[in-house]
Protein backbone atom coordinates (compact mmCIF):
# COMPACT_ATOMS: atom_id res chain seq x y z
CA MET A 1 67.48 7.16 -4.52
CA THR A 2 68.20 4.76 -1.75
CA LEU A 3 70.62 7.18 -0.30
CA ALA A 4 68.07 9.88 -0.26
CA ALA A 5 65.57 7.62 1.66
CA VAL A 6 68.11 6.69 4.25
CA ALA A 7 69.09 10.40 4.76
CA GLY A 8 65.33 11.23 5.01
CA LEU A 9 64.93 8.59 7.63
CA GLY A 10 67.92 9.71 9.51
CA VAL A 11 66.69 13.42 9.61
CA TYR A 12 63.16 12.15 10.70
CA PHE A 13 64.64 9.89 13.48
CA ALA A 14 66.62 12.86 14.76
CA SER A 15 63.75 15.28 14.89
CA VAL A 16 61.00 13.04 16.54
CA GLY A 17 63.26 10.70 18.65
CA LEU A 18 63.80 7.09 18.38
CA ASP A 19 61.08 6.10 20.93
CA ASN A 20 58.38 7.88 18.91
CA ALA A 21 59.74 6.70 15.63
CA ASP A 22 59.56 3.11 17.09
CA LYS A 23 55.99 3.59 18.20
CA LEU A 24 54.92 4.96 14.80
CA GLY A 25 56.71 2.30 12.96
CA SER A 26 54.92 -0.36 15.11
CA VAL A 27 51.52 1.20 14.20
CA ILE A 28 52.41 1.48 10.41
CA GLY A 29 53.64 -2.18 10.50
CA ALA A 30 50.36 -3.35 12.06
CA LEU A 31 48.29 -1.63 9.51
CA VAL A 32 50.28 -2.91 6.48
CA ALA A 33 49.97 -6.46 7.89
CA VAL A 34 46.19 -5.96 8.14
CA ALA A 35 45.93 -4.66 4.61
CA GLY A 36 48.19 -7.58 3.37
CA LEU A 37 46.02 -10.16 4.98
CA SER A 38 42.88 -8.64 3.44
CA LEU A 39 44.38 -8.54 0.02
CA THR A 40 45.56 -12.16 0.31
CA VAL A 41 42.00 -13.35 1.27
CA TYR A 42 40.64 -11.23 -1.66
CA GLY A 43 43.13 -12.69 -4.05
CA LEU A 44 42.23 -16.31 -3.02
CA VAL A 45 38.51 -15.65 -3.37
CA ALA A 46 38.96 -13.87 -6.75
CA ALA A 47 41.22 -16.64 -7.97
CA SER A 48 38.62 -19.18 -7.40
CA GLY A 49 36.15 -17.40 -9.63
CA GLY A 50 33.21 -18.02 -7.40
CA GLY A 51 32.16 -20.88 -9.77
CA ARG A 52 31.37 -18.71 -12.70
CA ARG A 53 33.68 -16.88 -15.13
CA LEU A 54 32.66 -14.27 -17.71
CA VAL A 55 34.68 -13.91 -20.94
CA GLN A 56 33.90 -10.61 -22.64
CA GLN A 57 35.45 -9.43 -25.84
CA THR A 58 34.88 -6.32 -28.11
CA ALA A 59 36.16 -5.79 -31.71
CA ARG A 60 35.77 -3.13 -34.45
CA ALA A 61 37.38 -3.73 -37.83
CA SER A 62 37.73 -1.16 -40.54
CA GLY A 63 39.44 -2.44 -43.54
CA GLY A 64 41.22 -5.23 -41.72
CA ARG A 65 40.58 -8.73 -40.19
CA ILE A 66 40.04 -9.71 -36.61
CA SER A 67 39.55 -13.05 -35.01
CA GLN A 68 38.09 -13.48 -31.63
CA VAL A 69 38.14 -16.87 -29.66
CA GLY A 70 36.39 -16.97 -26.25
CA GLY A 71 35.77 -19.70 -23.80
CA ASP A 72 37.94 -22.44 -22.59
CA GLN A 73 40.85 -23.31 -24.72
CA THR A 74 42.81 -25.05 -21.96
CA GLY A 75 40.68 -28.12 -21.49
CA ALA A 76 39.62 -27.10 -17.92
CA ALA A 77 36.15 -28.26 -18.62
CA SER A 78 37.16 -31.66 -19.87
CA LEU A 79 39.24 -32.03 -16.62
CA GLY A 80 36.37 -31.32 -14.43
CA ARG A 81 37.22 -27.76 -13.60
CA ASP A 82 34.94 -24.79 -14.25
CA ALA A 83 35.30 -23.25 -17.70
CA ALA A 84 33.86 -19.81 -18.81
CA ALA A 85 30.26 -19.91 -17.80
CA GLU A 86 29.31 -17.23 -20.24
CA VAL A 87 31.01 -15.67 -23.28
CA ARG A 88 29.98 -12.35 -24.65
CA GLN A 89 31.40 -11.30 -27.89
CA ARG A 90 30.59 -8.01 -29.73
CA ALA A 91 31.77 -7.12 -33.16
CA ARG A 92 31.26 -4.29 -35.68
CA ALA A 93 32.88 -4.28 -39.17
CA TYR A 94 33.19 -1.05 -41.23
CA LYS A 95 33.86 -0.85 -44.87
CA ASP A 96 35.99 -3.81 -45.83
CA GLY A 97 36.41 -5.13 -42.25
CA GLU A 98 35.92 -8.83 -41.56
CA ILE A 99 35.43 -10.42 -38.11
CA SER A 100 35.40 -14.05 -37.16
CA GLN A 101 34.12 -15.13 -33.70
CA VAL A 102 34.35 -18.55 -32.06
CA ALA A 103 33.04 -19.27 -28.50
CA GLY A 104 32.70 -22.03 -26.21
CA ASP A 105 34.94 -25.04 -25.27
CA GLN A 106 37.80 -25.29 -27.85
CA ALA A 107 39.63 -28.17 -26.10
CA PRO A 108 39.32 -31.67 -27.20
CA PRO A 109 37.31 -34.00 -24.88
CA ALA A 110 39.24 -35.88 -22.21
CA GLN A 111 40.25 -39.42 -23.08
CA PRO A 112 39.00 -42.03 -20.79
């Protein structure tokens, strides 16, 4: 695979010339840098959660058992960090199906 890519680049450089290939490479590099910077900023904003998080779960059981736990199980709320602001759980059991749902802060409170 790598050998094919190197061969393809060699053919391309020979056909358009090194000067034109250098110019095109500079333009592509600048576009990739701008896209990377944009994605980095988006990732930082998305990671912060904007102060609110939503946990959403859906389950269907038919002849089996499903357990759903939603919310903060890490203790983030007890450490002063934002936990899930909203938990939505939907469930539907058919025939002999059973569903258990628990939502909210599952971590023990912080010790003073």
